[in-house]
PDB file of N, CA and C in Angstrom:
ATOM      1  N   MET A   1       0.699  -1.330   0.038  1.00  0.00           N
ATOM      2  CA  MET A   1      -0.221  -0.033  -0.141  1.00  0.00           C
ATOM      3  C   MET A   1       0.803   1.304   0.084  1.00  0.00           C
ATOM      4  N   TRP A   2       2.135   1.482   0.844  1.00  0.00           N
ATOM      5  CA  TRP A   2       2.714   2.541   1.070  1.00  0.00           C
ATOM      6  C   TRP A   2       3.423   2.654  -0.352  1.00  0.00           C
ATOM      7  N   ALA A   3       4.039   1.630  -1.004  1.00  0.00           N
ATOM      8  CA  ALA A   3       4.826   1.524  -2.069  1.00  0.00           C
ATOM      9  C   ALA A   3       3.935   2.363  -3.105  1.00  0.00           C
ATOM     10  N   ARG A   4       2.681   1.829  -3.287  1.00  0.00           N
ATOM     11  CA  ARG A   4       1.775   2.579  -4.263  1.00  0.00           C
ATOM     12  C   ARG A   4       1.599   4.130  -4.112  1.00  0.00           C
ATOM     13  N   VAL A   5       1.448   4.447  -2.926  1.00  0.00           N
ATOM     14  CA  VAL A   5       1.270   5.901  -2.499  1.00  0.00           C
ATOM     15  C   VAL A   5       2.704   6.647  -2.834  1.00  0.00           C
ATOM     16  N   ILE A   6       3.730   6.125  -2.592  1.00  0.00           N
ATOM     17  CA  ILE A   6       5.042   6.517  -2.632  1.00  0.00           C
ATOM     18  C   ILE A   6       5.137   6.583  -4.290  1.00  0.00           C
ATOM     19  N   SER A   7       4.955   5.584  -5.139  1.00  0.00           N
ATOM     20  CA  SER A   7       5.133   5.643  -6.390  1.00  0.00           C
ATOM     21  C   SER A   7       4.213   6.736  -7.168  1.00  0.00           C
ATOM     22  N   ALA A   8       3.022   6.877  -6.423  1.00  0.00           N
ATOM     23  CA  ALA A   8       2.054   8.032  -7.170  1.00  0.00           C
ATOM     24  C   ALA A   8       2.645   9.509  -6.830  1.00  0.00           C
ATOM     25  N   LEU A   9       3.266   9.827  -5.691  1.00  0.00           N
ATOM     26  CA  LEU A   9       3.910  10.993  -5.206  1.00  0.00           C
ATOM     27  C   LEU A   9       5.169  11.165  -6.262  1.00  0.00           C
ATOM     28  N   ILE A  10       5.687  10.321  -6.480  1.00  0.00           N
ATOM     29  CA  ILE A  10       6.965  10.462  -7.538  1.00  0.00           C
ATOM     30  C   ILE A  10       6.610  10.739  -8.751  1.00  0.00           C
ATOM     31  N   GLY A  11       5.531   9.938  -9.152  1.00  0.00           N
ATOM     32  CA  GLY A  11       5.003  10.415 -10.489  1.00  0.00           C
ATOM     33  C   GLY A  11       4.271  11.630 -10.780  1.00  0.00           C
ATOM     34  N   VAL A  12       3.754  12.135  -9.610  1.00  0.00           N
ATOM     35  CA  VAL A  12       3.167  13.543  -9.776  1.00  0.00           C
ATOM     36  C   VAL A  12       4.137  14.529  -9.759  1.00  0.00           C
ATOM     37  N   PHE A  13       5.340  14.298  -9.061  1.00  0.00           N
ATOM     38  CA  PHE A  13       6.488  15.217  -9.134  1.00  0.00           C
ATOM     39  C   PHE A  13       7.082  15.300 -10.591  1.00  0.00           C
ATOM     40  N   MET A  14       7.118  14.010 -11.082  1.00  0.00           N
ATOM     41  CA  MET A  14       7.750  14.081 -12.525  1.00  0.00           C
ATOM     42  C   MET A  14       7.082  14.369 -13.358  1.00  0.00           C
ATOM     43  N   LEU A  15       5.699  14.438 -13.209  1.00  0.00           N
ATOM     44  CA  LEU A  15       4.958  15.098 -14.128  1.00  0.00           C
ATOM     45  C   LEU A  15       4.924  16.568 -14.108  1.00  0.00           C
ATOM     46  N   TYR A  16       5.031  17.075 -12.929  1.00  0.00           N
ATOM     47  CA  TYR A  16       5.185  18.759 -12.664  1.00  0.00           C
ATOM     48  C   TYR A  16       6.489  19.183 -13.152  1.00  0.00           C
ATOM     49  N   SER A  17       7.498  18.356 -13.137  1.00  0.00           N
ATOM     50  CA  SER A  17       8.812  18.894 -13.554  1.00  0.00           C
ATOM     51  C   SER A  17       8.566  18.801 -15.288  1.00  0.00           C
ATOM     52  N   ALA A  18       8.247  17.647 -15.799  1.00  0.00           N
ATOM     53  CA  ALA A  18       8.040  17.707 -17.223  1.00  0.00           C
ATOM     54  C   ALA A  18       6.969  18.712 -17.764  1.00  0.00           C
ATOM     55  N   LEU A  19       6.062  19.063 -16.948  1.00  0.00           N
ATOM     56  CA  LEU A  19       5.044  20.033 -17.558  1.00  0.00           C
ATOM     57  C   LEU A  19       5.876  21.521 -17.352  1.00  0.00           C
ATOM     58  N   GLY A  20       6.875  21.721 -16.507  1.00  0.00           N
ATOM     59  CA  GLY A  20       8.012  22.870 -16.513  1.00  0.00           C
ATOM     60  C   GLY A  20       8.805  22.878 -17.539  1.00  0.00           C
ATOM     61  N   TRP A  21       9.212  21.659 -18.038  1.00  0.00           N
ATOM     62  CA  TRP A  21      10.453  21.852 -19.425  1.00  0.00           C
ATOM     63  C   TRP A  21       9.311  22.333 -20.455  1.00  0.00           C
ATOM     64  N   ILE A  22       8.088  21.655 -20.512  1.00  0.00           N
ATOM     65  CA  ILE A  22       7.472  22.074 -21.624  1.00  0.00           C
ATOM     66  C   ILE A  22       7.104  23.628 -21.714  1.00  0.00           C
ATOM     67  N   LEU A  23       6.327  23.978 -20.671  1.00  0.00           N
ATOM     68  CA  LEU A  23       5.934  25.347 -20.663  1.00  0.00           C
ATOM     69  C   LEU A  23       6.897  26.628 -20.574  1.00  0.00           C
ATOM     70  N   ASP A  24       7.895  26.131 -19.708  1.00  0.00           N
ATOM     71  CA  ASP A  24       8.842  27.222 -19.323  1.00  0.00           C
ATOM     72  C   ASP A  24      10.214  26.642 -19.080  1.00  0.00           C
ATOM     73  N   PRO A  25      10.903  26.383 -20.009  1.00  0.00           N
ATOM     74  CA  PRO A  25      12.367  25.438 -19.803  1.00  0.00           C
ATOM     75  C   PRO A  25      13.233  26.448 -19.011  1.00  0.00           C
ATOM     76  N   ALA A  26      13.576  27.687 -19.175  1.00  0.00           N
ATOM     77  CA  ALA A  26      14.452  28.518 -18.339  1.00  0.00           C
ATOM     78  C   ALA A  26      14.320  28.289 -16.988  1.00  0.00           C
ATOM     79  N   SER A  27      13.160  28.398 -16.526  1.00  0.00           N
ATOM     80  CA  SER A  27      12.707  28.261 -15.070  1.00  0.00           C
ATOM     81  C   SER A  27      13.008  27.102 -14.515  1.00  0.00           C
ATOM     82  N   ALA A  28      12.634  25.751 -15.336  1.00  0.00           N
ATOM     83  CA  ALA A  28      12.825  24.411 -15.051  1.00  0.00           C
ATOM     84  C   ALA A  28      14.390  24.194 -14.792  1.00  0.00           C
ATOM     85  N   ALA A  29      15.205  24.850 -15.693  1.00  0.00           N
ATOM     86  CA  ALA A  29      16.742  24.256 -15.571  1.00  0.00           C
ATOM     87  C   ALA A  29      16.947  25.414 -14.623  1.00  0.00           C
ATOM     88  N   ALA A  30      16.674  26.554 -14.125  1.00  0.00           N
ATOM     89  CA  ALA A  30      17.247  27.207 -13.021  1.00  0.00           C
ATOM     90  C   ALA A  30      16.735  26.424 -11.718  1.00  0.00           C
ATOM     91  N   GLY A  31      15.763  25.909 -11.983  1.00  0.00           N
ATOM     92  CA  GLY A  31      15.133  24.916 -10.535  1.00  0.00           C
ATOM     93  C   GLY A  31      15.978  23.555 -10.512  1.00  0.00           C
ATOM     94  N   LEU A  32      16.656  23.175 -11.302  1.00  0.00           N
ATOM     95  CA  LEU A  32      17.756  22.188 -11.127  1.00  0.00           C
ATOM     96  C   LEU A  32      18.887  22.603 -11.286  1.00  0.00           C
ATOM     97  N   ALA A  33      19.352  23.922 -10.841  1.00  0.00           N
ATOM     98  CA  ALA A  33      20.500  24.527 -10.774  1.00  0.00           C
ATOM     99  C   ALA A  33      21.381  24.336 -12.161  1.00  0.00           C
ATOM    100  N   MET A  34      20.609  24.556 -13.282  1.00  0.00           N
ATOM    101  CA  MET A  34      21.438  24.335 -14.546  1.00  0.00           C
ATOM    102  C   MET A  34      21.465  25.599 -15.314  1.00  0.00           C
ATOM    103  N   THR A  35      22.045  25.926 -16.314  1.00  0.00           N
ATOM    104  CA  THR A  35      21.737  26.805 -17.282  1.00  0.00           C
ATOM    105  C   THR A  35      21.076  26.086 -18.589  1.00  0.00           C
ATOM    106  N   LEU A  36      20.259  27.114 -19.222  1.00  0.00           N
ATOM    107  CA  LEU A  36      19.696  26.518 -20.594  1.00  0.00           C
ATOM    108  C   LEU A  36      20.861  26.619 -21.633  1.00  0.00           C
ATOM    109  N   VAL A  37      21.248  25.812 -22.223  1.00  0.00           N
ATOM    110  CA  VAL A  37      22.104  25.987 -23.357  1.00  0.00           C
ATOM    111  C   VAL A  37      21.714  26.872 -24.414  1.00  0.00           C
ATOM    112  N   GLU A  38      22.275  27.860 -24.732  1.00  0.00           N
ATOM    113  CA  GLU A  38      21.915  28.957 -25.655  1.00  0.00           C
ATOM    114  C   GLU A  38      23.238  29.121 -26.460  1.00  0.00           C
ATOM    115  N   GLY A  39      22.651  29.756 -27.672  1.00  0.00           N
ATOM    116  CA  GLY A  39      23.989  30.032 -28.657  1.00  0.00           C
ATOM    117  C   GLY A  39      23.299  30.993 -29.717  1.00  0.00           C
ATOM    118  N   PRO A  40      23.825  31.085 -30.822  1.00  0.00           N
ATOM    119  CA  PRO A  40      23.453  32.351 -31.924  1.00  0.00           C
ATOM    120  C   PRO A  40      22.123  31.654 -32.302  1.00  0.00           C
ATOM    121  N   GLY A  41      21.090  32.629 -32.590  1.00  0.00           N
ATOM    122  CA  GLY A  41      19.982  32.572 -33.109  1.00  0.00           C
ATOM    123  C   GLY A  41      18.941  32.038 -31.796  1.00  0.00           C
ATOM    124  N   GLU A  42      17.510  32.120 -32.182  1.00  0.00           N
ATOM    125  CA  GLU A  42      16.820  31.886 -31.121  1.00  0.00           C
ATOM    126  C   GLU A  42      16.611  30.349 -30.651  1.00  0.00           C
ATOM    127  N   THR A  43      16.721  29.379 -31.327  1.00  0.00           N
ATOM    128  CA  THR A  43      16.847  28.076 -31.049  1.00  0.00           C
ATOM    129  C   THR A  43      18.082  27.482 -31.691  1.00  0.00           C
ATOM    130  N   THR A  44      18.717  26.711 -30.737  1.00  0.00           N
ATOM    131  CA  THR A  44      20.045  26.089 -31.095  1.00  0.00           C
ATOM    132  C   THR A  44      19.846  24.523 -30.947  1.00  0.00           C
ATOM    133  N   LEU A  45      20.601  23.806 -31.603  1.00  0.00           N
ATOM    134  CA  LEU A  45      20.419  22.176 -31.457  1.00  0.00           C
ATOM    135  C   LEU A  45      20.505  21.768 -30.432  1.00  0.00           C
ATOM    136  N   GLY A  46      21.601  22.427 -29.371  1.00  0.00           N
ATOM    137  CA  GLY A  46      21.897  21.960 -28.042  1.00  0.00           C
ATOM    138  C   GLY A  46      20.684  22.408 -27.038  1.00  0.00           C
ATOM    139  N   MET A  47      19.761  23.421 -27.069  1.00  0.00           N
ATOM    140  CA  MET A  47      18.669  23.909 -26.463  1.00  0.00           C
ATOM    141  C   MET A  47      17.693  22.869 -26.709  1.00  0.00           C
ATOM    142  N   ASN A  48      17.474  22.617 -27.958  1.00  0.00           N
ATOM    143  CA  ASN A  48      16.422  21.790 -28.281  1.00  0.00           C
ATOM    144  C   ASN A  48      16.564  20.204 -27.573  1.00  0.00           C
ATOM    145  N   THR A  49      17.977  20.103 -27.733  1.00  0.00           N
ATOM    146  CA  THR A  49      18.393  18.579 -27.238  1.00  0.00           C
ATOM    147  C   THR A  49      18.067  18.450 -25.652  1.00  0.00           C
ATOM    148  N   GLN A  50      18.597  19.516 -25.055  1.00  0.00           N
ATOM    149  CA  GLN A  50      18.307  19.741 -23.599  1.00  0.00           C
ATOM    150  C   GLN A  50      17.063  19.551 -23.137  1.00  0.00           C
ATOM    151  N   ILE A  51      15.871  20.251 -23.824  1.00  0.00           N
ATOM    152  CA  ILE A  51      14.726  20.550 -23.350  1.00  0.00           C
ATOM    153  C   ILE A  51      13.905  19.143 -23.756  1.00  0.00           C
ATOM    154  N   GLY A  52      14.324  18.645 -25.054  1.00  0.00           N
ATOM    155  CA  GLY A  52      13.668  17.231 -25.151  1.00  0.00           C
ATOM    156  C   GLY A  52      14.125  16.140 -24.395  1.00  0.00           C
ATOM    157  N   ASP A  53      15.360  16.129 -24.199  1.00  0.00           N
ATOM    158  CA  ASP A  53      15.936  14.847 -23.009  1.00  0.00           C
ATOM    159  C   ASP A  53      15.305  15.115 -21.622  1.00  0.00           C
ATOM    160  N   PHE A  54      15.336  16.462 -21.296  1.00  0.00           N
ATOM    161  CA  PHE A  54      14.797  16.371 -19.909  1.00  0.00           C
ATOM    162  C   PHE A  54      13.422  16.162 -19.838  1.00  0.00           C
ATOM    163  N   THR A  55      12.544  16.740 -20.820  1.00  0.00           N
ATOM    164  CA  THR A  55      11.080  16.511 -20.918  1.00  0.00           C
ATOM    165  C   THR A  55      10.776  14.731 -21.068  1.00  0.00           C
ATOM    166  N   SER A  56      11.592  14.120 -21.488  1.00  0.00           N
ATOM    167  CA  SER A  56      11.511  12.711 -21.952  1.00  0.00           C
ATOM    168  C   SER A  56      11.707  12.062 -20.777  1.00  0.00           C
ATOM    169  N   PHE A  57      12.793  12.566 -19.889  1.00  0.00           N
ATOM    170  CA  PHE A  57      13.158  11.760 -18.916  1.00  0.00           C
ATOM    171  C   PHE A  57      12.191  12.010 -17.798  1.00  0.00           C
ATOM    172  N   PHE A  58      11.572  13.288 -17.615  1.00  0.00           N
ATOM    173  CA  PHE A  58      10.394  13.152 -16.487  1.00  0.00           C
ATOM    174  C   PHE A  58       9.290  12.603 -16.798  1.00  0.00           C
ATOM    175  N   LEU A  59       8.620  12.793 -18.156  1.00  0.00           N
ATOM    176  CA  LEU A  59       7.595  12.046 -18.812  1.00  0.00           C
ATOM    177  C   LEU A  59       7.735  10.626 -18.396  1.00  0.00           C
ATOM    178  N   HIS A  60       9.083   9.900 -18.637  1.00  0.00           N
ATOM    179  CA  HIS A  60       9.241   8.539 -18.578  1.00  0.00           C
ATOM    180  C   HIS A  60       9.072   8.140 -16.930  1.00  0.00           C
ATOM    181  N   GLY A  61       9.366   8.898 -16.030  1.00  0.00           N
ATOM    182  CA  GLY A  61       9.147   8.958 -14.742  1.00  0.00           C
ATOM    183  C   GLY A  61       7.756   9.008 -14.233  1.00  0.00           C
ATOM    184  N   TRP A  62       7.157   9.943 -14.853  1.00  0.00           N
ATOM    185  CA  TRP A  62       5.832   9.955 -14.666  1.00  0.00           C
ATOM    186  C   TRP A  62       4.972   8.510 -15.096  1.00  0.00           C
ATOM    187  N   ASN A  63       5.287   8.252 -16.101  1.00  0.00           N
ATOM    188  CA  ASN A  63       4.951   7.079 -16.676  1.00  0.00           C
ATOM    189  C   ASN A  63       5.105   5.842 -15.882  1.00  0.00           C
ATOM    190  N   ASN A  64       6.311   5.808 -15.062  1.00  0.00           N
ATOM    191  CA  ASN A  64       6.716   4.558 -14.363  1.00  0.00           C
ATOM    192  C   ASN A  64       5.924   4.743 -13.017  1.00  0.00           C
ATOM    193  N   GLY A  65       5.726   5.866 -12.431  1.00  0.00           N
ATOM    194  CA  GLY A  65       5.378   6.307 -11.241  1.00  0.00           C
ATOM    195  C   GLY A  65       3.661   5.885 -11.399  1.00  0.00           C
ATOM    196  N   LEU A  66       3.046   6.240 -12.506  1.00  0.00           N
ATOM    197  CA  LEU A  66       1.636   6.116 -12.602  1.00  0.00           C
ATOM    198  C   LEU A  66       1.567   4.191 -12.849  1.00  0.00           C
ATOM    199  N   TYR A  67       2.376   3.751 -13.374  1.00  0.00           N
ATOM    200  CA  TYR A  67       2.390   2.012 -13.758  1.00  0.00           C
ATOM    201  C   TYR A  67       2.482   1.513 -12.263  1.00  0.00           C
ATOM    202  N   TRP A  68       3.483   1.800 -11.437  1.00  0.00           N
ATOM    203  CA  TRP A  68       3.980   1.134 -10.452  1.00  0.00           C
ATOM    204  C   TRP A  68       2.854   1.520  -9.108  1.00  0.00           C
ATOM    205  N   SER A  69       1.872   2.455  -9.324  1.00  0.00           N
ATOM    206  CA  SER A  69       0.926   2.807  -8.332  1.00  0.00           C
ATOM    207  C   SER A  69      -0.430   2.289  -8.250  1.00  0.00           C
ATOM    208  N   LEU A  70      -0.837   1.434  -9.841  1.00  0.00           N
ATOM    209  CA  LEU A  70      -1.877   0.970  -9.838  1.00  0.00           C
ATOM    210  C   LEU A  70      -1.729  -0.581  -9.680  1.00  0.00           C
TER     211      LEU A  70
END
């Protein structure tokens, strides 16, 4: 029972972090004590990769938290 509750809480935190990376990547990076990779132009390959990788990581964590809480 407790394992399911803990898994659900971790899943909620991961979903919150993933939404942060989708909606406001600069503040999500600051929340993890990181800098958002920047370069010439409005979007760079490094910034897109950083945002995509962290969003994917946190969405996968949310999916696992959801799965193990059921």
